[in-house]
Protein backbone atom coordinates (compact mmCIF):
# COMPACT_ATOMS: atom_id res chain seq x y z
CA UNK A 1 -72.01 -20.27 61.83
CA UNK A 2 -72.24 -22.77 58.97
CA UNK A 3 -69.26 -25.09 58.44
CA UNK A 4 -69.20 -26.93 55.11
CA UNK A 5 -66.52 -29.61 54.82
CA UNK A 6 -65.03 -31.17 51.72
CA UNK A 7 -65.60 -28.31 49.27
CA UNK A 8 -63.36 -28.29 46.20
CA UNK A 9 -62.41 -25.12 44.32
CA UNK A 10 -64.88 -26.07 41.58
CA UNK A 11 -67.75 -26.48 44.06
CA UNK A 12 -67.25 -23.15 45.85
CA UNK A 13 -69.63 -21.19 43.62
CA UNK A 14 -72.36 -23.85 43.96
CA UNK A 15 -72.04 -23.87 47.75
CA UNK A 16 -72.21 -20.08 47.95
CA UNK A 17 -74.93 -19.40 45.39
CA UNK A 18 -77.13 -22.48 45.90
CA UNK A 19 -76.61 -24.19 49.27
CA UNK A 20 -75.88 -21.09 51.32
CA UNK A 21 -78.59 -19.02 49.60
CA UNK A 22 -81.11 -21.79 50.30
CA UNK A 23 -80.13 -21.86 54.00
CA UNK A 24 -80.51 -18.08 54.29
CA UNK A 25 -83.88 -18.13 52.52
CA UNK A 26 -85.11 -20.93 54.78
CA UNK A 27 -84.04 -19.11 57.95
CA UNK A 28 -85.62 -15.85 56.79
CA UNK A 29 -88.87 -17.72 56.11
CA UNK A 30 -89.24 -18.64 59.79
CA UNK A 31 -90.71 -15.26 60.70
CA UNK A 32 -91.50 -12.10 58.76
CA UNK A 33 -88.66 -9.59 59.06
CA UNK A 34 -86.27 -12.20 60.52
CA UNK A 35 -82.84 -11.81 58.87
CA UNK A 36 -80.20 -13.62 60.90
CA UNK A 37 -76.51 -13.06 60.22
CA UNK A 38 -74.57 -15.98 58.82
CA UNK A 39 -70.91 -16.89 58.63
CA UNK A 40 -70.02 -19.55 56.05
CA UNK A 41 -66.77 -21.44 56.60
CA UNK A 42 -65.70 -23.98 53.99
CA UNK A 43 -62.97 -26.51 54.60
CA UNK A 44 -60.93 -28.74 52.35
CA UNK A 45 -58.21 -31.25 53.07
CA UNK A 46 -57.02 -31.67 49.51
CA UNK A 47 -54.62 -28.99 48.36
CA UNK A 48 -51.14 -28.88 46.87
CA UNK A 49 -49.58 -26.58 49.48
CA UNK A 50 -46.88 -28.02 51.73
CA UNK A 51 -45.57 -26.18 54.78
CA UNK A 52 -42.30 -26.76 56.60
CA UNK A 53 -40.80 -25.25 59.73
CA UNK A 54 -37.22 -24.04 59.38
CA UNK A 55 -35.95 -23.97 62.94
CA UNK A 56 -32.77 -24.29 64.99
CA UNK A 57 -32.97 -28.11 64.78
CA UNK A 58 -33.36 -28.14 60.99
CA UNK A 59 -36.41 -28.41 58.77
CA UNK A 60 -39.47 -30.27 60.04
CA UNK A 61 -43.23 -30.33 60.29
CA UNK A 62 -45.09 -27.28 61.64
CA UNK A 63 -46.40 -27.47 65.19
CA UNK A 64 -50.10 -28.20 65.77
CA UNK A 65 -52.34 -25.09 65.43
CA UNK A 66 -49.87 -23.36 63.09
CA UNK A 67 -51.81 -20.94 60.87
CA UNK A 68 -50.56 -19.63 57.52
CA UNK A 69 -52.55 -16.62 56.33
CA UNK A 70 -50.18 -14.69 54.11
CA UNK A 71 -48.11 -15.02 50.94
CA UNK A 72 -49.64 -18.29 49.63
CA UNK A 73 -53.33 -17.54 50.19
CA UNK A 74 -55.71 -16.33 47.50
CA UNK A 75 -56.13 -12.54 47.32
CA UNK A 76 -59.82 -12.68 46.32
CA UNK A 77 -61.20 -14.51 49.38
CA UNK A 78 -60.41 -14.60 53.11
CA UNK A 79 -58.33 -17.78 53.33
CA UNK A 80 -55.91 -19.49 55.69
CA UNK A 81 -54.25 -22.87 56.13
CA UNK A 82 -54.07 -24.53 59.55
CA UNK A 83 -51.97 -27.46 60.71
CA UNK A 84 -54.62 -28.75 63.10
CA UNK A 85 -52.76 -31.70 64.60
CA UNK A 86 -49.34 -33.29 64.96
CA UNK A 87 -48.11 -35.26 61.94
CA UNK A 88 -48.10 -38.89 63.04
CA UNK A 89 -47.10 -41.05 60.08
CA UNK A 90 -45.14 -38.65 57.89
CA UNK A 91 -42.11 -36.67 58.93
CA UNK A 92 -40.56 -33.97 56.82
CA UNK A 93 -36.85 -34.44 56.26
CA UNK A 94 -34.85 -32.08 54.07
CA UNK A 95 -32.16 -33.85 52.07
CA UNK A 96 -29.45 -31.74 50.50
CA UNK A 97 -27.29 -33.43 47.90
């Protein structure tokens, strides 16, 4: 499993076709016939998606470990968004005027 953090949309192709290909080639060069399986996971913290929980107590932040993997994800790649931790400094408040 290879986890690559901080990859922007524009860098995705470079990571896949250069960095990841170089890692695979290096691993396969260890021993003749050795072809290990790889899983590449890229992460990014900068995106324009905002998620809110609409519950009995009103609208608020999603709970930690909430995963969104439908509707707003890209159809061309396996993608999901995860709220990994509790929001500490910012609280979502819905104002209706």
